[in-house]
Protein backbone atom coordinates (compact mmCIF):
# COMPACT_ATOMS: atom_id res chain seq x y z
CA UNK A 1 31.15 50.29 14.67
CA UNK A 2 35.06 51.75 14.46
CA UNK A 3 36.97 49.65 11.62
CA UNK A 4 40.31 48.31 12.90
CA UNK A 5 42.36 45.52 12.13
CA UNK A 6 41.42 43.32 14.74
CA UNK A 7 37.58 43.65 14.15
CA UNK A 8 37.87 42.99 10.18
CA UNK A 9 40.08 40.12 11.14
CA UNK A 10 37.38 38.56 13.57
CA UNK A 11 34.69 39.35 10.48
CA UNK A 12 36.89 37.30 8.19
CA UNK A 13 36.95 34.56 10.48
CA UNK A 14 33.18 34.63 11.52
CA UNK A 15 32.38 34.56 7.78
CA UNK A 16 34.62 31.72 6.63
CA UNK A 17 33.28 29.45 9.92
CA UNK A 18 29.50 30.46 8.57
CA UNK A 19 30.71 29.38 5.03
CA UNK A 20 32.01 26.08 6.73
CA UNK A 21 29.09 25.51 8.24
CA UNK A 22 26.98 25.89 5.02
CA UNK A 23 29.29 23.42 3.38
CA UNK A 24 28.86 20.58 6.35
CA UNK A 25 25.04 21.20 6.29
CA UNK A 26 25.07 20.78 2.11
CA UNK A 27 27.12 17.84 2.94
CA UNK A 28 24.61 16.13 4.86
CA UNK A 29 22.42 16.75 2.08
CA UNK A 30 18.78 16.24 2.80
CA UNK A 31 16.82 14.11 5.46
CA UNK A 32 13.07 12.72 4.81
CA UNK A 33 10.77 11.13 6.70
CA UNK A 34 8.55 7.67 5.74
CA UNK A 35 5.40 6.76 6.91
CA UNK A 36 3.80 3.35 6.16
CA UNK A 37 0.93 1.94 7.69
CA UNK A 38 1.94 -1.97 8.10
CA UNK A 39 3.81 -3.93 10.62
CA UNK A 40 7.84 -4.79 10.36
CA UNK A 41 6.99 -8.62 10.13
CA UNK A 42 5.31 -7.71 6.40
CA UNK A 43 6.92 -7.94 3.07
CA UNK A 44 5.77 -5.08 2.22
CA UNK A 45 7.60 -3.11 5.25
CA UNK A 46 10.75 -5.39 4.43
CA UNK A 47 10.84 -4.51 1.02
CA UNK A 48 10.18 -1.10 1.79
CA UNK A 49 13.45 -1.23 4.51
CA UNK A 50 15.25 -2.40 1.18
CA UNK A 51 14.43 0.59 -0.98
CA UNK A 52 15.63 2.75 1.84
CA UNK A 53 18.98 0.91 2.57
CA UNK A 54 19.49 1.10 -1.34
CA UNK A 55 18.86 4.86 -1.86
CA UNK A 56 21.10 5.95 1.09
CA UNK A 57 23.74 3.19 -0.29
CA UNK A 58 23.77 5.17 -3.96
CA UNK A 59 23.80 8.46 -2.32
CA UNK A 60 26.30 7.15 -0.37
CA UNK A 61 24.68 8.81 3.13
CA UNK A 62 23.82 12.05 1.32
CA UNK A 63 19.91 11.36 1.16
CA UNK A 64 18.75 9.85 4.47
CA UNK A 65 15.70 8.32 5.30
CA UNK A 66 13.95 7.89 8.33
CA UNK A 67 11.02 5.09 8.25
CA UNK A 68 8.05 5.20 10.51
CA UNK A 69 5.90 1.98 10.09
CA UNK A 70 3.56 0.37 11.12
CA UNK A 71 1.32 3.55 11.18
CA UNK A 72 3.03 4.58 14.62
CA UNK A 73 3.55 8.15 12.80
CA UNK A 74 0.50 8.67 10.51
CA UNK A 75 -2.26 6.23 9.99
CA UNK A 76 -3.20 5.02 6.70
CA UNK A 77 -6.12 7.50 6.36
CA UNK A 78 -3.87 10.16 6.81
CA UNK A 79 -0.29 9.08 4.93
CA UNK A 80 -1.17 10.89 1.24
CA UNK A 81 -2.21 13.95 2.49
CA UNK A 82 0.68 13.93 5.44
CA UNK A 83 2.86 13.18 1.94
CA UNK A 84 1.53 16.32 0.25
CA UNK A 85 1.43 18.81 3.44
CA UNK A 86 5.39 18.00 3.92
CA UNK A 87 4.95 16.24 7.65
CA UNK A 88 6.79 13.47 5.54
CA UNK A 89 8.41 13.37 2.16
CA UNK A 90 7.77 9.35 1.16
CA UNK A 91 4.60 7.21 1.77
CA UNK A 92 3.23 3.70 1.42
CA UNK A 93 -0.61 3.03 0.93
CA UNK A 94 -2.97 0.54 -0.01
CA UNK A 95 -4.22 2.70 -2.97
CA UNK A 96 -7.55 1.08 -3.20
CA UNK A 97 -8.31 2.74 0.61
CA UNK A 98 -8.61 5.88 -1.00
CA UNK A 99 -11.52 5.39 -2.88
CA UNK A 100 -13.39 7.89 -1.71
CA UNK A 101 -10.93 10.47 -2.27
CA UNK A 102 -11.53 9.45 -6.46
CA UNK A 103 -12.69 6.10 -7.76
CA UNK A 104 -10.19 5.45 -10.19
CA UNK A 105 -8.14 4.37 -7.18
CA UNK A 106 -10.48 1.30 -6.19
CA UNK A 107 -9.69 -0.50 -9.81
CA UNK A 108 -7.79 -3.69 -8.30
CA UNK A 109 -10.10 -3.86 -5.13
CA UNK A 110 -12.89 -5.29 -7.91
CA UNK A 111 -12.93 -9.23 -6.62
CA UNK A 112 -11.45 -10.93 -9.11
CA UNK A 113 -11.60 -8.34 -12.20
CA UNK A 114 -7.43 -9.12 -12.02
CA UNK A 115 -7.68 -13.44 -10.52
CA UNK A 116 -3.87 -14.10 -10.73
CA UNK A 117 -0.64 -12.18 -10.55
CA UNK A 118 -0.32 -12.19 -14.28
CA UNK A 119 -3.35 -10.49 -14.39
CA UNK A 120 -2.98 -7.97 -11.53
CA UNK A 121 0.54 -6.97 -12.95
CA UNK A 122 -0.97 -6.19 -16.43
CA UNK A 123 -3.75 -4.27 -14.83
CA UNK A 124 -1.53 -2.12 -12.46
CA UNK A 125 0.68 -1.19 -15.41
CA UNK A 126 -2.44 -0.47 -17.73
CA UNK A 127 -3.97 1.78 -14.54
CA UNK A 128 -0.56 3.46 -13.59
CA UNK A 129 -0.19 6.22 -16.17
CA UNK A 130 -4.28 7.48 -15.01
CA UNK A 131 -3.03 7.32 -11.43
CA UNK A 132 -0.02 9.09 -11.69
CA UNK A 133 -1.56 11.82 -13.85
CA UNK A 134 -4.36 11.74 -10.66
CA UNK A 135 -1.49 12.03 -8.20
CA UNK A 136 1.04 14.58 -9.81
CA UNK A 137 -2.39 16.88 -9.72
CA UNK A 138 -1.84 16.75 -6.02
CA UNK A 139 2.16 17.72 -6.05
CA UNK A 140 2.54 13.61 -6.05
CA UNK A 141 4.63 11.50 -7.89
CA UNK A 142 4.62 7.34 -7.83
CA UNK A 143 7.75 5.36 -6.98
CA UNK A 144 6.38 1.87 -7.20
CA UNK A 145 3.62 -0.55 -6.78
CA UNK A 146 3.44 -3.72 -5.06
CA UNK A 147 0.51 -6.00 -5.16
CA UNK A 148 -0.50 -8.23 -2.19
CA UNK A 149 -0.79 -11.84 -2.32
CA UNK A 150 -5.15 -12.48 -3.07
CA UNK A 151 -6.90 -12.29 -0.40
CA UNK A 152 -9.47 -15.19 0.84
CA UNK A 153 -11.65 -15.97 3.59
CA UNK A 154 -11.78 -15.62 7.22
CA UNK A 155 -14.07 -16.86 9.40
CA UNK A 156 -15.18 -20.02 12.30
CA UNK A 157 -17.30 -21.78 9.92
CA UNK A 158 -16.62 -23.17 7.18
CA UNK A 159 -18.48 -20.86 3.67
CA UNK A 160 -19.59 -22.76 1.30
CA UNK A 161 -21.58 -20.09 -0.49
CA UNK A 162 -22.01 -16.20 -0.30
CA UNK A 163 -25.32 -16.93 1.26
CA UNK A 164 -22.94 -18.09 4.81
CA UNK A 165 -21.83 -14.00 4.74
CA UNK A 166 -25.42 -12.76 4.75
CA UNK A 167 -25.63 -10.88 8.84
CA UNK A 168 -21.44 -11.22 9.55
CA UNK A 169 -20.11 -8.44 10.70
CA UNK A 170 -17.56 -8.05 8.08
CA UNK A 171 -14.39 -6.02 8.17
CA UNK A 172 -14.08 -3.59 4.96
CA UNK A 173 -10.99 -1.93 4.38
CA UNK A 174 -11.72 0.56 0.91
CA UNK A 175 -14.45 1.30 -0.79
CA UNK A 176 -15.24 -1.76 -2.85
CA UNK A 177 -14.61 -4.34 0.50
CA UNK A 178 -17.74 -2.00 1.99
CA UNK A 179 -19.94 -2.44 -1.53
CA UNK A 180 -19.37 -6.21 -1.35
CA UNK A 181 -20.35 -6.83 2.00
CA UNK A 182 -23.38 -4.81 1.13
CA UNK A 183 -23.95 -6.64 -1.70
CA UNK A 184 -24.19 -10.16 0.01
CA UNK A 185 -25.98 -8.86 2.68
CA UNK A 186 -23.47 -8.35 5.57
CA UNK A 187 -22.48 -5.58 7.62
CA UNK A 188 -19.82 -3.82 6.82
CA UNK A 189 -17.26 -2.32 9.49
CA UNK A 190 -14.27 -0.02 8.43
CA UNK A 191 -11.26 -1.43 10.45
CA UNK A 192 -8.01 -0.98 9.86
CA UNK A 193 -5.34 -4.46 9.54
CA UNK A 194 -3.61 -3.16 12.73
CA UNK A 195 -6.94 -3.11 14.71
CA UNK A 196 -8.15 -6.34 13.44
CA UNK A 197 -7.09 -8.77 16.65
CA UNK A 198 -8.88 -6.40 19.20
CA UNK A 199 -12.04 -6.29 17.00
CA UNK A 200 -12.67 -9.81 16.53
CA UNK A 201 -12.02 -10.33 20.38
CA UNK A 202 -14.47 -7.74 20.88
CA UNK A 203 -16.95 -9.08 18.01
CA UNK A 204 -16.89 -5.56 16.62
CA UNK A 205 -16.30 -8.21 13.30
CA UNK A 206 -16.83 -11.83 12.92
CA UNK A 207 -15.75 -12.24 9.30
CA UNK A 208 -13.38 -10.72 6.74
CA UNK A 209 -11.67 -10.93 3.59
CA UNK A 210 -8.03 -10.38 3.06
CA UNK A 211 -4.41 -11.54 2.05
CA UNK A 212 -2.89 -14.85 4.08
CA UNK A 213 -0.21 -12.08 4.48
CA UNK A 214 -2.44 -9.91 6.49
CA UNK A 215 -3.32 -12.87 8.87
CA UNK A 216 0.09 -13.83 9.77
CA UNK A 217 0.53 -10.41 10.30
CA UNK A 218 -2.54 -10.46 12.39
CA UNK A 219 -1.98 -13.94 14.28
CA UNK A 220 -5.38 -15.04 12.75
CA UNK A 221 -5.31 -18.58 14.27
CA UNK A 222 -5.45 -16.32 17.59
CA UNK A 223 -9.04 -15.37 16.57
CA UNK A 224 -10.18 -17.50 13.25
CA UNK A 225 -10.46 -20.92 12.18
CA UNK A 226 -11.14 -21.30 8.78
CA UNK A 227 -9.34 -19.71 5.84
CA UNK A 228 -10.61 -20.01 2.55
CA UNK A 229 -8.41 -18.92 -0.69
CA UNK A 230 -10.40 -17.61 -3.34
CA UNK A 231 -7.89 -15.21 -5.21
CA UNK A 232 -10.66 -12.23 -3.98
CA UNK A 233 -8.32 -9.36 -5.44
CA UNK A 234 -4.57 -8.72 -6.14
CA UNK A 235 -4.99 -4.80 -4.31
CA UNK A 236 -1.78 -2.77 -4.79
CA UNK A 237 0.67 -0.72 -2.15
CA UNK A 238 2.09 2.38 -3.75
CA UNK A 239 4.71 4.22 -2.53
CA UNK A 240 5.17 7.41 -3.57
CA UNK A 241 7.02 11.26 -3.18
CA UNK A 242 6.30 14.55 -2.61
CA UNK A 243 7.19 16.14 -5.81
CA UNK A 244 9.05 19.53 -4.87
CA UNK A 245 11.09 17.46 -2.45
CA UNK A 246 12.09 15.08 -5.27
CA UNK A 247 12.60 17.93 -7.81
CA UNK A 248 14.75 19.58 -5.20
CA UNK A 249 17.36 16.56 -4.90
CA UNK A 250 20.29 16.45 -7.28
CA UNK A 251 19.91 14.66 -10.22
CA UNK A 252 22.35 11.93 -9.32
CA UNK A 253 20.26 11.68 -5.93
CA UNK A 254 17.14 11.37 -8.61
CA UNK A 255 18.43 8.87 -10.21
CA UNK A 256 19.41 6.69 -7.19
CA UNK A 257 15.61 6.95 -5.86
CA UNK A 258 14.45 6.02 -9.02
CA UNK A 259 16.77 3.19 -9.67
CA UNK A 260 15.91 1.89 -6.36
CA UNK A 261 12.23 2.14 -6.59
CA UNK A 262 12.51 0.09 -9.72
CA UNK A 263 14.51 -2.68 -8.03
CA UNK A 264 11.81 -2.68 -5.35
CA UNK A 265 8.75 -3.05 -7.44
CA UNK A 266 10.66 -5.85 -9.24
CA UNK A 267 11.74 -7.94 -5.79
CA UNK A 268 8.40 -6.73 -4.01
CA UNK A 269 6.22 -8.93 -6.99
CA UNK A 270 8.91 -11.80 -5.78
CA UNK A 271 8.08 -11.17 -2.83
CA UNK A 272 4.56 -10.96 -2.95
CA UNK A 273 4.57 -14.23 -4.82
CA UNK A 274 6.73 -16.41 -2.00
CA UNK A 275 4.31 -14.61 0.42
CA UNK A 276 1.36 -16.06 -0.73
CA UNK A 277 2.85 -19.82 -0.21
CA UNK A 278 4.66 -19.01 3.06
CA UNK A 279 1.68 -17.17 4.62
CA UNK A 280 -0.83 -19.83 3.98
CA UNK A 281 1.70 -22.51 5.18
CA UNK A 282 2.09 -20.75 8.26
CA UNK A 283 -1.44 -20.44 8.82
CA UNK A 284 -2.26 -24.10 8.70
CA UNK A 285 0.45 -24.58 11.04
CA UNK A 286 -1.15 -22.67 13.51
CA UNK A 287 -4.11 -24.12 13.40
CA UNK A 288 -6.28 -22.43 10.90
CA UNK A 289 -8.03 -25.21 8.36
CA UNK A 290 -7.35 -24.11 4.91
CA UNK A 291 -11.04 -24.92 2.64
CA UNK A 292 -10.79 -24.65 -1.03
CA UNK A 293 -14.07 -22.98 -2.46
CA UNK A 294 -16.74 -24.69 -3.37
CA UNK A 295 -18.03 -24.02 -6.76
CA UNK A 296 -21.55 -22.41 -5.44
CA UNK A 297 -18.38 -20.09 -3.66
CA UNK A 298 -17.11 -19.77 -7.29
CA UNK A 299 -20.16 -18.80 -8.87
CA UNK A 300 -21.32 -16.26 -6.39
CA UNK A 301 -17.75 -14.72 -6.99
CA UNK A 302 -18.32 -14.58 -10.14
CA UNK A 303 -21.45 -12.94 -10.28
CA UNK A 304 -20.32 -10.55 -7.78
CA UNK A 305 -16.98 -9.44 -10.17
CA UNK A 306 -19.59 -8.65 -12.99
CA UNK A 307 -21.61 -6.64 -11.16
CA UNK A 308 -18.56 -4.72 -9.56
CA UNK A 309 -16.66 -4.54 -12.58
CA UNK A 310 -19.98 -2.92 -14.17
CA UNK A 311 -20.14 -0.36 -11.20
CA UNK A 312 -17.03 0.47 -11.00
CA UNK A 313 -16.76 1.23 -14.94
CA UNK A 314 -20.04 3.91 -15.36
CA UNK A 315 -18.53 5.65 -11.70
CA UNK A 316 -14.51 5.79 -12.87
CA UNK A 317 -16.22 7.73 -16.30
CA UNK A 318 -14.60 7.50 -19.48
CA UNK A 319 -10.59 6.69 -18.17
CA UNK A 320 -12.60 3.68 -16.37
CA UNK A 321 -14.86 2.59 -19.51
CA UNK A 322 -11.15 2.93 -21.64
CA UNK A 323 -9.42 0.93 -18.90
CA UNK A 324 -11.31 -2.40 -19.05
CA UNK A 325 -11.42 -2.39 -22.47
CA UNK A 326 -8.27 -2.17 -22.85
CA UNK A 327 -7.31 -4.22 -20.37
CA UNK A 328 -10.12 -6.86 -21.45
CA UNK A 329 -8.65 -6.52 -24.90
CA UNK A 330 -5.39 -8.19 -24.33
């Protein structure tokens, strides 16, 4: 090439244009994907949307987050790996659904181990360092956790004792509900929340235990007649981020994400408390009979809880034993 004044001016202009394009790309900032498994009507999803809005507002739009709800991008069993592999940068999962990966993830799925919101918050706080350490080893970091409202039984007949569940086709969604079904003599059947209505309609299942909020999301009045609230569990959803993507953000944006996560955790807890009453009221208004548990049912659940707590602590090893001891100590 012959270097003339015209060539040099053209090269200079092209270089300036390239620098301008790079500046524009930096100004646009990062674009993240966020996979969640629940319907848009669910309070967890509403809380996630508020979290996303908080982040985008605090970063002046420099960090853009595209939300994929209701398992539309990844079903829940694939979300954790999807974040690890960089398909998306953020994910939300029911942590106890990953018990096959690590038994420690199942702790809040032990029936009646934490029988109230206050107890569930305490258990989650004590468990979080153990869970965070496991997430860190796979390139992930926890941003926040929010408990579900307590679970109850959905059925078409009154459940006076656990004997009523014997022989039923019982919907499960994690290792603990699977074990519970086996202990009471039911036939465990894994069904994701979005598939519940069809599973009932086709006879794949005829009973389940889950929150009133999930009952509303899946329009339980179309397939069940009775809801029996028993404070079965307060399982937690965990929102987490791929660590390498998080660490690549400017410091101010990392702070914005962390502050939005703290707000989402506090807001989510209050939303969960409100969802318990609101959802039960909705179930009743739609025709489900709300049956308070009998003493026989309570006694049976207490026995199951003791058995499953002991089993979980043994399976989770020293960390599990330490957690149960610290939780029971005060």
